[in-house]
mmCIF file of all heavy atoms, coordinates in Angstrom:
data_MODEL
# 
_entry.id   MODEL 
# 
loop_
_atom_site.group_PDB 
_atom_site.id 
_atom_site.type_symbol 
_atom_site.label_atom_id 
_atom_site.label_alt_id 
_atom_site.label_comp_id 
_atom_site.label_asym_id 
_atom_site.label_entity_id 
_atom_site.label_seq_id 
_atom_site.pdbx_PDB_ins_code 
_atom_site.Cartn_x 
_atom_site.Cartn_y 
_atom_site.Cartn_z 
_atom_site.occupancy 
_atom_site.B_iso_or_equiv 
_atom_site.pdbx_formal_charge 
_atom_site.auth_seq_id 
_atom_site.auth_comp_id 
_atom_site.auth_asym_id 
_atom_site.auth_atom_id 
_atom_site.pdbx_PDB_model_num 
ATOM 1   N N   . ALA A 1 1  ? 0.802  -1.212  -0.014 1.00 0.00 ? 1  ALA A N   1 
ATOM 2   C CA  . ALA A 1 1  ? 0.012  0.000   0.010  1.00 0.00 ? 1  ALA A CA  1 
ATOM 3   C C   . ALA A 1 1  ? 0.845  1.268   0.012  1.00 0.00 ? 1  ALA A C   1 
ATOM 4   O O   . ALA A 1 1  ? 0.298  2.366   -0.015 1.00 0.00 ? 1  ALA A O   1 
ATOM 5   C CB  . ALA A 1 1  ? -0.918 0.030   1.212  1.00 0.00 ? 1  ALA A CB  1 
ATOM 6   N N   . GLY A 1 2  ? 2.164  1.111   0.024  1.00 0.00 ? 2  GLY A N   1 
ATOM 7   C CA  . GLY A 1 2  ? 3.063  2.266   -0.023 1.00 0.00 ? 2  GLY A CA  1 
ATOM 8   C C   . GLY A 1 2  ? 3.345  2.948   1.296  1.00 0.00 ? 2  GLY A C   1 
ATOM 9   O O   . GLY A 1 2  ? 3.793  4.114   1.312  1.00 0.00 ? 2  GLY A O   1 
ATOM 10  N N   . ILE A 1 3  ? 3.104  2.243   2.396  1.00 0.00 ? 3  ILE A N   1 
ATOM 11  C CA  . ILE A 1 3  ? 3.367  2.822   3.711  1.00 0.00 ? 3  ILE A CA  1 
ATOM 12  C C   . ILE A 1 3  ? 4.831  2.733   4.040  1.00 0.00 ? 3  ILE A C   1 
ATOM 13  O O   . ILE A 1 3  ? 5.487  1.717   3.801  1.00 0.00 ? 3  ILE A O   1 
ATOM 14  C CB  . ILE A 1 3  ? 2.543  2.085   4.773  1.00 0.00 ? 3  ILE A CB  1 
ATOM 15  C CG1 . ILE A 1 3  ? 1.021  2.079   4.410  1.00 0.00 ? 3  ILE A CG1 1 
ATOM 16  C CG2 . ILE A 1 3  ? 2.728  2.708   6.171  1.00 0.00 ? 3  ILE A CG2 1 
ATOM 17  C CD1 . ILE A 1 3  ? 0.430  3.403   4.260  1.00 0.00 ? 3  ILE A CD1 1 
ATOM 18  N N   . ALA A 1 4  ? 5.371  3.830   4.593  1.00 0.00 ? 4  ALA A N   1 
ATOM 19  C CA  . ALA A 1 4  ? 6.824  3.918   4.915  1.00 0.00 ? 4  ALA A CA  1 
ATOM 20  C C   . ALA A 1 4  ? 7.219  2.806   5.936  1.00 0.00 ? 4  ALA A C   1 
ATOM 21  O O   . ALA A 1 4  ? 6.370  2.382   6.725  1.00 0.00 ? 4  ALA A O   1 
ATOM 22  C CB  . ALA A 1 4  ? 7.157  5.251   5.471  1.00 0.00 ? 4  ALA A CB  1 
ATOM 23  N N   . ARG A 1 5  ? 8.451  2.329   5.894  1.00 0.00 ? 5  ARG A N   1 
ATOM 24  C CA  . ARG A 1 5  ? 8.916  1.195   6.687  1.00 0.00 ? 5  ARG A CA  1 
ATOM 25  C C   . ARG A 1 5  ? 8.619  1.390   8.169  1.00 0.00 ? 5  ARG A C   1 
ATOM 26  O O   . ARG A 1 5  ? 8.106  0.522   8.812  1.00 0.00 ? 5  ARG A O   1 
ATOM 27  C CB  . ARG A 1 5  ? 10.417 0.989   6.470  1.00 0.00 ? 5  ARG A CB  1 
ATOM 28  C CG  . ARG A 1 5  ? 10.956 -0.215  7.263  1.00 0.00 ? 5  ARG A CG  1 
ATOM 29  C CD  . ARG A 1 5  ? 12.484 -0.232  7.148  1.00 0.00 ? 5  ARG A CD  1 
ATOM 30  N NE  . ARG A 1 5  ? 12.900 -0.548  5.792  1.00 0.00 ? 5  ARG A NE  1 
ATOM 31  C CZ  . ARG A 1 5  ? 13.086 -1.783  5.344  1.00 0.00 ? 5  ARG A CZ  1 
ATOM 32  N NH1 . ARG A 1 5  ? 12.978 -2.817  6.195  1.00 0.00 ? 5  ARG A NH1 1 
ATOM 33  N NH2 . ARG A 1 5  ? 13.479 -2.012  4.109  1.00 0.00 ? 5  ARG A NH2 1 
ATOM 34  N N   . ALA A 1 6  ? 8.982  2.553   8.726  1.00 0.00 ? 6  ALA A N   1 
ATOM 35  C CA  . ALA A 1 6  ? 8.837  2.767   10.158 1.00 0.00 ? 6  ALA A CA  1 
ATOM 36  C C   . ALA A 1 6  ? 7.345  2.651   10.555 1.00 0.00 ? 6  ALA A C   1 
ATOM 37  O O   . ALA A 1 6  ? 6.973  2.052   11.570 1.00 0.00 ? 6  ALA A O   1 
ATOM 38  C CB  . ALA A 1 6  ? 9.373  4.112   10.578 1.00 0.00 ? 6  ALA A CB  1 
ATOM 39  N N   . ALA A 1 7  ? 6.475  3.272   9.766  1.00 0.00 ? 7  ALA A N   1 
ATOM 40  C CA  . ALA A 1 7  ? 5.070  3.223   10.057 1.00 0.00 ? 7  ALA A CA  1 
ATOM 41  C C   . ALA A 1 7  ? 4.502  1.812   9.837  1.00 0.00 ? 7  ALA A C   1 
ATOM 42  O O   . ALA A 1 7  ? 3.586  1.393   10.585 1.00 0.00 ? 7  ALA A O   1 
ATOM 43  C CB  . ALA A 1 7  ? 4.294  4.209   9.153  1.00 0.00 ? 7  ALA A CB  1 
ATOM 44  N N   . ARG A 1 8  ? 5.081  1.066   8.917  1.00 0.00 ? 8  ARG A N   1 
ATOM 45  C CA  . ARG A 1 8  ? 4.608  -0.331  8.651  1.00 0.00 ? 8  ARG A CA  1 
ATOM 46  C C   . ARG A 1 8  ? 4.726  -1.143  9.938  1.00 0.00 ? 8  ARG A C   1 
ATOM 47  O O   . ARG A 1 8  ? 3.786  -1.865  10.311 1.00 0.00 ? 8  ARG A O   1 
ATOM 48  C CB  . ARG A 1 8  ? 5.380  -0.959  7.551  1.00 0.00 ? 8  ARG A CB  1 
ATOM 49  C CG  . ARG A 1 8  ? 5.145  -0.415  6.168  1.00 0.00 ? 8  ARG A CG  1 
ATOM 50  C CD  . ARG A 1 8  ? 5.521  -1.403  5.078  1.00 0.00 ? 8  ARG A CD  1 
ATOM 51  N NE  . ARG A 1 8  ? 6.893  -1.829  5.062  1.00 0.00 ? 8  ARG A NE  1 
ATOM 52  C CZ  . ARG A 1 8  ? 7.771  -1.231  4.280  1.00 0.00 ? 8  ARG A CZ  1 
ATOM 53  N NH1 . ARG A 1 8  ? 7.486  -0.209  3.506  1.00 0.00 ? 8  ARG A NH1 1 
ATOM 54  N NH2 . ARG A 1 8  ? 9.059  -1.673  4.284  1.00 0.00 ? 8  ARG A NH2 1 
ATOM 55  N N   . GLN A 1 9  ? 5.881  -1.132  10.566 1.00 0.00 ? 9  GLN A N   1 
ATOM 56  C CA  . GLN A 1 9  ? 6.091  -1.994  11.710 1.00 0.00 ? 9  GLN A CA  1 
ATOM 57  C C   . GLN A 1 9  ? 5.154  -1.608  12.856 1.00 0.00 ? 9  GLN A C   1 
ATOM 58  O O   . GLN A 1 9  ? 4.593  -2.462  13.530 1.00 0.00 ? 9  GLN A O   1 
ATOM 59  C CB  . GLN A 1 9  ? 7.561  -1.928  12.166 1.00 0.00 ? 9  GLN A CB  1 
ATOM 60  C CG  . GLN A 1 9  ? 8.560  -2.522  11.138 1.00 0.00 ? 9  GLN A CG  1 
ATOM 61  C CD  . GLN A 1 9  ? 8.251  -3.942  10.871 1.00 0.00 ? 9  GLN A CD  1 
ATOM 62  O OE1 . GLN A 1 9  ? 7.833  -4.299  9.798  1.00 0.00 ? 9  GLN A OE1 1 
ATOM 63  N NE2 . GLN A 1 9  ? 8.494  -4.826  11.837 1.00 0.00 ? 9  GLN A NE2 1 
ATOM 64  N N   . ARG A 1 10 ? 5.010  -0.316  13.058 1.00 0.00 ? 10 ARG A N   1 
ATOM 65  C CA  . ARG A 1 10 ? 4.161  0.142   14.128 1.00 0.00 ? 10 ARG A CA  1 
ATOM 66  C C   . ARG A 1 10 ? 2.670  -0.250  13.880 1.00 0.00 ? 10 ARG A C   1 
ATOM 67  O O   . ARG A 1 10 ? 2.000  -0.757  14.774 1.00 0.00 ? 10 ARG A O   1 
ATOM 68  C CB  . ARG A 1 10 ? 4.237  1.674   14.258 1.00 0.00 ? 10 ARG A CB  1 
ATOM 69  C CG  . ARG A 1 10 ? 3.282  2.300   15.270 1.00 0.00 ? 10 ARG A CG  1 
ATOM 70  C CD  . ARG A 1 10 ? 3.496  3.807   15.340 1.00 0.00 ? 10 ARG A CD  1 
ATOM 71  N NE  . ARG A 1 10 ? 3.478  4.464   14.056 1.00 0.00 ? 10 ARG A NE  1 
ATOM 72  C CZ  . ARG A 1 10 ? 2.353  4.743   13.386 1.00 0.00 ? 10 ARG A CZ  1 
ATOM 73  N NH1 . ARG A 1 10 ? 1.163  4.379   13.873 1.00 0.00 ? 10 ARG A NH1 1 
ATOM 74  N NH2 . ARG A 1 10 ? 2.408  5.318   12.198 1.00 0.00 ? 10 ARG A NH2 1 
ATOM 75  N N   . ARG A 1 11 ? 2.204  -0.009  12.706 1.00 0.00 ? 11 ARG A N   1 
ATOM 76  C CA  . ARG A 1 11 ? 0.810  -0.275  12.400 1.00 0.00 ? 11 ARG A CA  1 
ATOM 77  C C   . ARG A 1 11 ? 0.563  -1.806  12.386 1.00 0.00 ? 11 ARG A C   1 
ATOM 78  O O   . ARG A 1 11 ? -0.515 -2.255  12.809 1.00 0.00 ? 11 ARG A O   1 
ATOM 79  C CB  . ARG A 1 11 ? 0.425  0.369   11.069 1.00 0.00 ? 11 ARG A CB  1 
ATOM 80  C CG  . ARG A 1 11 ? 0.220  1.857   11.175 1.00 0.00 ? 11 ARG A CG  1 
ATOM 81  C CD  . ARG A 1 11 ? 0.000  2.580   9.852  1.00 0.00 ? 11 ARG A CD  1 
ATOM 82  N NE  . ARG A 1 11 ? -1.143 2.015   9.068  1.00 0.00 ? 11 ARG A NE  1 
ATOM 83  C CZ  . ARG A 1 11 ? -1.542 2.668   7.991  1.00 0.00 ? 11 ARG A CZ  1 
ATOM 84  N NH1 . ARG A 1 11 ? -1.002 3.788   7.567  1.00 0.00 ? 11 ARG A NH1 1 
ATOM 85  N NH2 . ARG A 1 11 ? -2.568 2.136   7.295  1.00 0.00 ? 11 ARG A NH2 1 
ATOM 86  N N   . ALA A 1 12 ? 1.546  -2.528  11.892 1.00 0.00 ? 12 ALA A N   1 
ATOM 87  C CA  . ALA A 1 12 ? 1.375  -4.034  11.847 1.00 0.00 ? 12 ALA A CA  1 
ATOM 88  C C   . ALA A 1 12 ? 1.263  -4.604  13.261 1.00 0.00 ? 12 ALA A C   1 
ATOM 89  O O   . ALA A 1 12 ? 0.430  -5.420  13.593 1.00 0.00 ? 12 ALA A O   1 
ATOM 90  C CB  . ALA A 1 12 ? 2.478  -4.660  11.059 1.00 0.00 ? 12 ALA A CB  1 
ATOM 91  N N   . ALA A 1 13 ? 2.146  -4.105  14.149 1.00 0.00 ? 13 ALA A N   1 
ATOM 92  C CA  . ALA A 1 13 ? 2.160  -4.564  15.510 1.00 0.00 ? 13 ALA A CA  1 
ATOM 93  C C   . ALA A 1 13 ? 0.845  -4.206  16.205 1.00 0.00 ? 13 ALA A C   1 
ATOM 94  O O   . ALA A 1 13 ? 0.262  -5.000  16.997 1.00 0.00 ? 13 ALA A O   1 
ATOM 95  C CB  . ALA A 1 13 ? 3.359  -3.994  16.298 1.00 0.00 ? 13 ALA A CB  1 
ATOM 96  N N   . ALA A 1 14 ? 0.367  -2.979  15.971 1.00 0.00 ? 14 ALA A N   1 
ATOM 97  C CA  . ALA A 1 14 ? -0.871 -2.527  16.606 1.00 0.00 ? 14 ALA A CA  1 
ATOM 98  C C   . ALA A 1 14 ? -2.066 -3.370  16.105 1.00 0.00 ? 14 ALA A C   1 
ATOM 99  O O   . ALA A 1 14 ? -2.964 -3.726  16.867 1.00 0.00 ? 14 ALA A O   1 
ATOM 100 C CB  . ALA A 1 14 ? -1.106 -1.076  16.294 1.00 0.00 ? 14 ALA A CB  1 
ATOM 101 N N   . ALA A 1 15 ? -2.063 -3.720  14.796 1.00 0.00 ? 15 ALA A N   1 
ATOM 102 C CA  . ALA A 1 15 ? -3.172 -4.505  14.251 1.00 0.00 ? 15 ALA A CA  1 
ATOM 103 C C   . ALA A 1 15 ? -3.140 -5.916  14.825 1.00 0.00 ? 15 ALA A C   1 
ATOM 104 O O   . ALA A 1 15 ? -4.245 -6.461  15.161 1.00 0.00 ? 15 ALA A O   1 
ATOM 105 C CB  . ALA A 1 15 ? -3.064 -4.560  12.735 1.00 0.00 ? 15 ALA A CB  1 
ATOM 106 N N   . LEU A 1 16 ? -1.976 -6.499  14.975 1.00 0.00 ? 16 LEU A N   1 
ATOM 107 C CA  . LEU A 1 16 ? -1.934 -7.788  15.586 1.00 0.00 ? 16 LEU A CA  1 
ATOM 108 C C   . LEU A 1 16 ? -2.400 -7.795  17.018 1.00 0.00 ? 16 LEU A C   1 
ATOM 109 O O   . LEU A 1 16 ? -3.108 -8.719  17.509 1.00 0.00 ? 16 LEU A O   1 
ATOM 110 C CB  . LEU A 1 16 ? -0.479 -8.382  15.554 1.00 0.00 ? 16 LEU A CB  1 
ATOM 111 C CG  . LEU A 1 16 ? -0.069 -9.049  14.200 1.00 0.00 ? 16 LEU A CG  1 
ATOM 112 C CD1 . LEU A 1 16 ? 1.404  -9.527  14.351 1.00 0.00 ? 16 LEU A CD1 1 
ATOM 113 C CD2 . LEU A 1 16 ? -0.963 -10.266 13.879 1.00 0.00 ? 16 LEU A CD2 1 
ATOM 114 N N   . ALA A 1 17 ? -2.068 -6.737  17.742 1.00 0.00 ? 17 ALA A N   1 
ATOM 115 C CA  . ALA A 1 17 ? -2.533 -6.602  19.131 1.00 0.00 ? 17 ALA A CA  1 
ATOM 116 C C   . ALA A 1 17 ? -4.060 -6.497  19.183 1.00 0.00 ? 17 ALA A C   1 
ATOM 117 O O   . ALA A 1 17 ? -4.729 -7.124  20.081 1.00 0.00 ? 17 ALA A O   1 
ATOM 118 C CB  . ALA A 1 17 ? -1.910 -5.416  19.791 1.00 0.00 ? 17 ALA A CB  1 
ATOM 119 N N   . ARG A 1 18 ? -4.647 -5.809  18.251 1.00 0.00 ? 18 ARG A N   1 
ATOM 120 C CA  . ARG A 1 18 ? -6.093 -5.646  18.217 1.00 0.00 ? 18 ARG A CA  1 
ATOM 121 C C   . ARG A 1 18 ? -6.830 -6.946  17.976 1.00 0.00 ? 18 ARG A C   1 
ATOM 122 O O   . ARG A 1 18 ? -7.996 -7.100  18.444 1.00 0.00 ? 18 ARG A O   1 
ATOM 123 C CB  . ARG A 1 18 ? -6.518 -4.631  17.169 1.00 0.00 ? 18 ARG A CB  1 
ATOM 124 C CG  . ARG A 1 18 ? -6.181 -3.167  17.536 1.00 0.00 ? 18 ARG A CG  1 
ATOM 125 C CD  . ARG A 1 18 ? -6.919 -2.136  16.684 1.00 0.00 ? 18 ARG A CD  1 
ATOM 126 N NE  . ARG A 1 18 ? -6.525 -2.258  15.295 1.00 0.00 ? 18 ARG A NE  1 
ATOM 127 C CZ  . ARG A 1 18 ? -5.597 -1.525  14.698 1.00 0.00 ? 18 ARG A CZ  1 
ATOM 128 N NH1 . ARG A 1 18 ? -4.957 -0.644  15.426 1.00 0.00 ? 18 ARG A NH1 1 
ATOM 129 N NH2 . ARG A 1 18 ? -5.310 -1.621  13.423 1.00 0.00 ? 18 ARG A NH2 1 
ATOM 130 N N   . VAL A 1 19 ? -6.210 -7.859  17.274 1.00 0.00 ? 19 VAL A N   1 
ATOM 131 C CA  . VAL A 1 19 ? -6.853 -9.153  17.052 1.00 0.00 ? 19 VAL A CA  1 
ATOM 132 C C   . VAL A 1 19 ? -6.370 -10.209 18.031 1.00 0.00 ? 19 VAL A C   1 
ATOM 133 O O   . VAL A 1 19 ? -6.651 -11.435 17.898 1.00 0.00 ? 19 VAL A O   1 
ATOM 134 C CB  . VAL A 1 19 ? -6.633 -9.643  15.604 1.00 0.00 ? 19 VAL A CB  1 
ATOM 135 C CG1 . VAL A 1 19 ? -7.189 -8.644  14.559 1.00 0.00 ? 19 VAL A CG1 1 
ATOM 136 C CG2 . VAL A 1 19 ? -5.197 -10.024 15.321 1.00 0.00 ? 19 VAL A CG2 1 
ATOM 137 N N   . GLY A 1 20 ? -5.630 -9.822  19.069 1.00 0.00 ? 20 GLY A N   1 
ATOM 138 C CA  . GLY A 1 20 ? -5.240 -10.710 20.131 1.00 0.00 ? 20 GLY A CA  1 
ATOM 139 C C   . GLY A 1 20 ? -4.079 -11.624 19.808 1.00 0.00 ? 20 GLY A C   1 
ATOM 140 O O   . GLY A 1 20 ? -3.936 -12.687 20.433 1.00 0.00 ? 20 GLY A O   1 
ATOM 141 N N   . LEU A 1 21 ? -3.209 -11.207 18.862 1.00 0.00 ? 21 LEU A N   1 
ATOM 142 C CA  . LEU A 1 21 ? -2.092 -12.108 18.463 1.00 0.00 ? 21 LEU A CA  1 
ATOM 143 C C   . LEU A 1 21 ? -0.735 -11.453 18.614 1.00 0.00 ? 21 LEU A C   1 
ATOM 144 O O   . LEU A 1 21 ? 0.244  -11.907 18.007 1.00 0.00 ? 21 LEU A O   1 
ATOM 145 C CB  . LEU A 1 21 ? -2.267 -12.483 16.961 1.00 0.00 ? 21 LEU A CB  1 
ATOM 146 C CG  . LEU A 1 21 ? -3.484 -13.375 16.621 1.00 0.00 ? 21 LEU A CG  1 
ATOM 147 C CD1 . LEU A 1 21 ? -3.504 -13.670 15.157 1.00 0.00 ? 21 LEU A CD1 1 
ATOM 148 C CD2 . LEU A 1 21 ? -3.399 -14.668 17.406 1.00 0.00 ? 21 LEU A CD2 1 
ATOM 149 N N   . ALA A 1 22 ? -0.648 -10.488 19.516 1.00 0.00 ? 22 ALA A N   1 
ATOM 150 C CA  . ALA A 1 22 ? 0.656  -9.835  19.747 1.00 0.00 ? 22 ALA A CA  1 
ATOM 151 C C   . ALA A 1 22 ? 1.727  -10.872 20.203 1.00 0.00 ? 22 ALA A C   1 
ATOM 152 O O   . ALA A 1 22 ? 2.905  -10.733 19.821 1.00 0.00 ? 22 ALA A O   1 
ATOM 153 C CB  . ALA A 1 22 ? 0.542  -8.707  20.768 1.00 0.00 ? 22 ALA A CB  1 
ATOM 154 N N   . HIS A 1 23 ? 1.305  -11.853 20.967 1.00 0.00 ? 23 HIS A N   1 
ATOM 155 C CA  . HIS A 1 23 ? 2.243  -12.826 21.447 1.00 0.00 ? 23 HIS A CA  1 
ATOM 156 C C   . HIS A 1 23 ? 2.714  -13.812 20.392 1.00 0.00 ? 23 HIS A C   1 
ATOM 157 O O   . HIS A 1 23 ? 3.713  -14.532 20.609 1.00 0.00 ? 23 HIS A O   1 
ATOM 158 C CB  . HIS A 1 23 ? 1.573  -13.634 22.628 1.00 0.00 ? 23 HIS A CB  1 
ATOM 159 C CG  . HIS A 1 23 ? 0.384  -14.433 22.176 1.00 0.00 ? 23 HIS A CG  1 
ATOM 160 N ND1 . HIS A 1 23 ? -0.767 -13.837 21.718 1.00 0.00 ? 23 HIS A ND1 1 
ATOM 161 C CD2 . HIS A 1 23 ? 0.173  -15.762 22.190 1.00 0.00 ? 23 HIS A CD2 1 
ATOM 162 C CE1 . HIS A 1 23 ? -1.680 -14.782 21.424 1.00 0.00 ? 23 HIS A CE1 1 
ATOM 163 N NE2 . HIS A 1 23 ? -1.110 -15.956 21.704 1.00 0.00 ? 23 HIS A NE2 1 
ATOM 164 N N   . LEU A 1 24 ? 2.106  -13.773 19.216 1.00 0.00 ? 24 LEU A N   1 
ATOM 165 C CA  . LEU A 1 24 ? 2.492  -14.651 18.138 1.00 0.00 ? 24 LEU A CA  1 
ATOM 166 C C   . LEU A 1 24 ? 3.088  -13.881 16.973 1.00 0.00 ? 24 LEU A C   1 
ATOM 167 O O   . LEU A 1 24 ? 3.269  -14.436 15.878 1.00 0.00 ? 24 LEU A O   1 
ATOM 168 C CB  . LEU A 1 24 ? 1.312  -15.462 17.635 1.00 0.00 ? 24 LEU A CB  1 
ATOM 169 C CG  . LEU A 1 24 ? 0.643  -16.432 18.665 1.00 0.00 ? 24 LEU A CG  1 
ATOM 170 C CD1 . LEU A 1 24 ? -0.534 -17.135 18.046 1.00 0.00 ? 24 LEU A CD1 1 
ATOM 171 C CD2 . LEU A 1 24 ? 1.669  -17.443 19.158 1.00 0.00 ? 24 LEU A CD2 1 
ATOM 172 N N   . ALA A 1 25 ? 3.489  -12.640 17.203 1.00 0.00 ? 25 ALA A N   1 
ATOM 173 C CA  . ALA A 1 25 ? 3.982  -11.778 16.137 1.00 0.00 ? 25 ALA A CA  1 
ATOM 174 C C   . ALA A 1 25 ? 5.176  -12.419 15.374 1.00 0.00 ? 25 ALA A C   1 
ATOM 175 O O   . ALA A 1 25 ? 5.309  -12.307 14.175 1.00 0.00 ? 25 ALA A O   1 
ATOM 176 C CB  . ALA A 1 25 ? 4.333  -10.414 16.673 1.00 0.00 ? 25 ALA A CB  1 
# 
């Protein structure tokens, strides 16, 4: 989607946390 690298990691981690999978990242 063209999101910058730094923002990608932050947004991906936040999304995994929202679905309850932060521990399986």
